[in-house]
Amino acid sequence: MRSRIPHILLLAVGVLLLTACYESSDVTRHEPGVYKGEADPLAKKLENDGELREQLNQRFDGQRDR
């Protein structure tokens, strides 16, 4: 019986180490050019608000020279 305890303990530690290395294989497939996320509430606001669009364009102009 005493000689089985180290073998069982070694087996248990081995199983624990192998299960700790498990990584879920969640794969997300994307199609090029197709957005499948939630609707962006700011996109509609940018379409309807010319002043906001102009403010953003001014901010982007300051960053385009980099």
N, C-alpha and C. Protein backbone atom coordinates (compact mmCIF):
# COMPACT_ATOMS: atom_id res chain seq x y z
N MET A 1 0.82 -1.20 0.00
CA MET A 1 0.00 0.00 0.00
C MET A 1 0.86 1.26 0.00
N ARG A 2 1.98 1.23 0.77
CA ARG A 2 2.83 2.41 0.84
C ARG A 2 3.46 2.73 -0.52
N SER A 3 3.75 1.74 -1.31
CA SER A 3 4.40 1.99 -2.60
C SER A 3 3.41 2.54 -3.63
N ARG A 4 2.14 2.43 -3.39
CA ARG A 4 1.13 2.94 -4.33
C ARG A 4 0.86 4.43 -4.10
N ILE A 5 1.05 4.90 -2.89
CA ILE A 5 0.74 6.30 -2.57
C ILE A 5 1.56 7.26 -3.42
N PRO A 6 2.88 7.10 -3.55
CA PRO A 6 3.64 8.03 -4.41
C PRO A 6 3.19 7.97 -5.87
N HIS A 7 2.82 6.79 -6.35
CA HIS A 7 2.37 6.66 -7.74
C HIS A 7 1.04 7.40 -7.94
N ILE A 8 0.14 7.22 -7.00
CA ILE A 8 -1.17 7.89 -7.09
C ILE A 8 -0.98 9.40 -6.96
N LEU A 9 -0.11 9.82 -6.05
CA LEU A 9 0.15 11.25 -5.87
C LEU A 9 0.78 11.84 -7.13
N LEU A 10 1.73 11.14 -7.71
CA LEU A 10 2.36 11.60 -8.95
C LEU A 10 1.34 11.69 -10.09
N LEU A 11 0.47 10.71 -10.18
CA LEU A 11 -0.58 10.72 -11.21
C LEU A 11 -1.54 11.90 -11.00
N ALA A 12 -1.92 12.14 -9.75
CA ALA A 12 -2.83 13.25 -9.45
C ALA A 12 -2.18 14.59 -9.79
N VAL A 13 -0.91 14.76 -9.45
CA VAL A 13 -0.20 16.01 -9.76
C VAL A 13 -0.08 16.17 -11.27
N GLY A 14 0.20 15.08 -11.98
CA GLY A 14 0.30 15.14 -13.44
C GLY A 14 -1.01 15.54 -14.09
N VAL A 15 -2.09 14.97 -13.62
CA VAL A 15 -3.42 15.32 -14.15
C VAL A 15 -3.73 16.78 -13.86
N LEU A 16 -3.41 17.24 -12.66
CA LEU A 16 -3.66 18.63 -12.30
C LEU A 16 -2.86 19.58 -13.18
N LEU A 17 -1.60 19.25 -13.41
CA LEU A 17 -0.77 20.11 -14.25
C LEU A 17 -1.26 20.13 -15.70
N LEU A 18 -1.70 19.01 -16.20
CA LEU A 18 -2.18 18.97 -17.58
C LEU A 18 -3.50 19.72 -17.75
N THR A 19 -4.37 19.65 -16.77
CA THR A 19 -5.63 20.38 -16.88
C THR A 19 -5.43 21.86 -16.66
N ALA A 20 -4.40 22.25 -15.95
CA ALA A 20 -4.13 23.68 -15.75
C ALA A 20 -3.64 24.33 -17.03
N CYS A 21 -3.11 23.55 -17.95
CA CYS A 21 -2.60 24.07 -19.21
C CYS A 21 -3.68 24.14 -20.29
N TYR A 22 -4.90 23.72 -19.99
CA TYR A 22 -5.97 23.70 -20.98
C TYR A 22 -6.35 25.12 -21.37
N GLU A 23 -6.49 25.35 -22.66
CA GLU A 23 -6.91 26.66 -23.16
C GLU A 23 -8.14 26.46 -24.03
N SER A 24 -9.16 27.23 -23.75
CA SER A 24 -10.39 27.12 -24.51
C SER A 24 -10.14 27.53 -25.97
N SER A 25 -10.78 26.86 -26.88
CA SER A 25 -10.58 27.14 -28.30
C SER A 25 -11.75 27.94 -28.86
N ASP A 26 -12.04 29.07 -28.26
CA ASP A 26 -13.09 29.95 -28.77
C ASP A 26 -12.55 30.70 -29.99
N VAL A 27 -13.10 30.40 -31.13
CA VAL A 27 -12.64 31.01 -32.37
C VAL A 27 -13.75 31.90 -32.91
N THR A 28 -13.41 33.12 -33.24
CA THR A 28 -14.36 34.05 -33.84
C THR A 28 -13.99 34.21 -35.30
N ARG A 29 -14.91 33.90 -36.16
CA ARG A 29 -14.65 34.04 -37.59
C ARG A 29 -15.22 35.37 -38.08
N HIS A 30 -14.40 36.11 -38.79
CA HIS A 30 -14.80 37.41 -39.31
C HIS A 30 -14.81 37.36 -40.83
N GLU A 31 -15.71 38.13 -41.41
CA GLU A 31 -15.74 38.27 -42.86
C GLU A 31 -15.18 39.65 -43.19
N PRO A 32 -14.30 39.74 -44.17
CA PRO A 32 -13.72 41.04 -44.50
C PRO A 32 -14.78 42.02 -44.99
N GLY A 33 -14.75 43.22 -44.45
CA GLY A 33 -15.66 44.27 -44.87
C GLY A 33 -17.05 44.19 -44.28
N VAL A 34 -17.30 43.26 -43.38
CA VAL A 34 -18.63 43.10 -42.78
C VAL A 34 -18.51 43.30 -41.28
N TYR A 35 -19.19 44.32 -40.75
CA TYR A 35 -19.18 44.58 -39.31
C TYR A 35 -20.36 43.85 -38.68
N LYS A 36 -20.08 43.01 -37.69
CA LYS A 36 -21.14 42.22 -37.07
C LYS A 36 -21.35 42.58 -35.61
N GLY A 37 -20.78 43.69 -35.18
CA GLY A 37 -20.93 44.10 -33.79
C GLY A 37 -22.23 44.85 -33.57
N GLU A 38 -22.37 45.38 -32.36
CA GLU A 38 -23.56 46.15 -32.03
C GLU A 38 -23.55 47.48 -32.78
N ALA A 39 -24.72 48.06 -32.95
CA ALA A 39 -24.83 49.35 -33.63
C ALA A 39 -24.14 50.42 -32.81
N ASP A 40 -23.41 51.29 -33.48
CA ASP A 40 -22.69 52.37 -32.81
C ASP A 40 -23.59 53.60 -32.72
N PRO A 41 -23.96 54.03 -31.51
CA PRO A 41 -24.86 55.18 -31.38
C PRO A 41 -24.21 56.48 -31.86
N LEU A 42 -22.89 56.57 -31.83
CA LEU A 42 -22.24 57.80 -32.27
C LEU A 42 -22.21 57.93 -33.79
N ALA A 43 -22.33 56.84 -34.50
CA ALA A 43 -22.31 56.90 -35.96
C ALA A 43 -23.51 57.70 -36.47
N LYS A 44 -24.69 57.46 -35.92
CA LYS A 44 -25.87 58.23 -36.33
C LYS A 44 -25.73 59.69 -35.93
N LYS A 45 -25.15 59.93 -34.77
CA LYS A 45 -24.97 61.31 -34.30
C LYS A 45 -24.03 62.06 -35.23
N LEU A 46 -22.99 61.39 -35.72
CA LEU A 46 -22.05 62.03 -36.64
C LEU A 46 -22.71 62.33 -37.98
N GLU A 47 -23.60 61.45 -38.43
CA GLU A 47 -24.28 61.67 -39.71
C GLU A 47 -25.21 62.88 -39.64
N ASN A 48 -25.85 63.07 -38.48
CA ASN A 48 -26.86 64.11 -38.36
C ASN A 48 -26.31 65.44 -37.85
N ASP A 49 -25.15 65.44 -37.21
CA ASP A 49 -24.62 66.65 -36.58
C ASP A 49 -23.38 67.12 -37.34
N GLY A 50 -23.56 68.11 -38.21
CA GLY A 50 -22.45 68.63 -39.01
C GLY A 50 -21.40 69.33 -38.17
N GLU A 51 -21.84 69.98 -37.10
CA GLU A 51 -20.89 70.70 -36.23
C GLU A 51 -19.95 69.71 -35.53
N LEU A 52 -20.50 68.62 -35.05
CA LEU A 52 -19.68 67.60 -34.40
C LEU A 52 -18.69 67.01 -35.39
N ARG A 53 -19.15 66.76 -36.61
CA ARG A 53 -18.27 66.22 -37.65
C ARG A 53 -17.12 67.19 -37.93
N GLU A 54 -17.42 68.48 -37.99
CA GLU A 54 -16.39 69.49 -38.25
C GLU A 54 -15.38 69.55 -37.10
N GLN A 55 -15.85 69.44 -35.86
CA GLN A 55 -14.94 69.43 -34.71
C GLN A 55 -14.00 68.23 -34.79
N LEU A 56 -14.53 67.08 -35.13
CA LEU A 56 -13.69 65.89 -35.25
C LEU A 56 -12.68 66.02 -36.39
N ASN A 57 -13.11 66.60 -37.50
CA ASN A 57 -12.19 66.79 -38.62
C ASN A 57 -11.05 67.72 -38.23
N GLN A 58 -11.33 68.75 -37.46
CA GLN A 58 -10.28 69.66 -37.00
C GLN A 58 -9.30 68.93 -36.08
N ARG A 59 -9.83 68.09 -35.20
CA ARG A 59 -8.95 67.32 -34.31
C ARG A 59 -8.09 66.34 -35.11
N PHE A 60 -8.68 65.70 -36.11
CA PHE A 60 -7.92 64.75 -36.92
C PHE A 60 -6.86 65.45 -37.76
N ASP A 61 -7.15 66.67 -38.23
CA ASP A 61 -6.16 67.41 -39.01
C ASP A 61 -4.90 67.65 -38.20
N GLY A 62 -5.04 67.88 -36.91
CA GLY A 62 -3.88 68.09 -36.05
C GLY A 62 -3.07 66.83 -35.84
N GLN A 63 -3.66 65.67 -36.09
CA GLN A 63 -2.96 64.41 -35.86
C GLN A 63 -2.45 63.78 -37.16
N ARG A 64 -2.90 64.26 -38.29
CA ARG A 64 -2.52 63.63 -39.56
C ARG A 64 -1.08 63.91 -39.95
N ASP A 65 -0.49 64.99 -39.42
CA ASP A 65 0.88 65.34 -39.80
C ASP A 65 1.92 64.45 -39.14
N ARG A 66 1.53 63.58 -38.27
CA ARG A 66 2.50 62.73 -37.56
C ARG A 66 2.92 61.55 -38.37
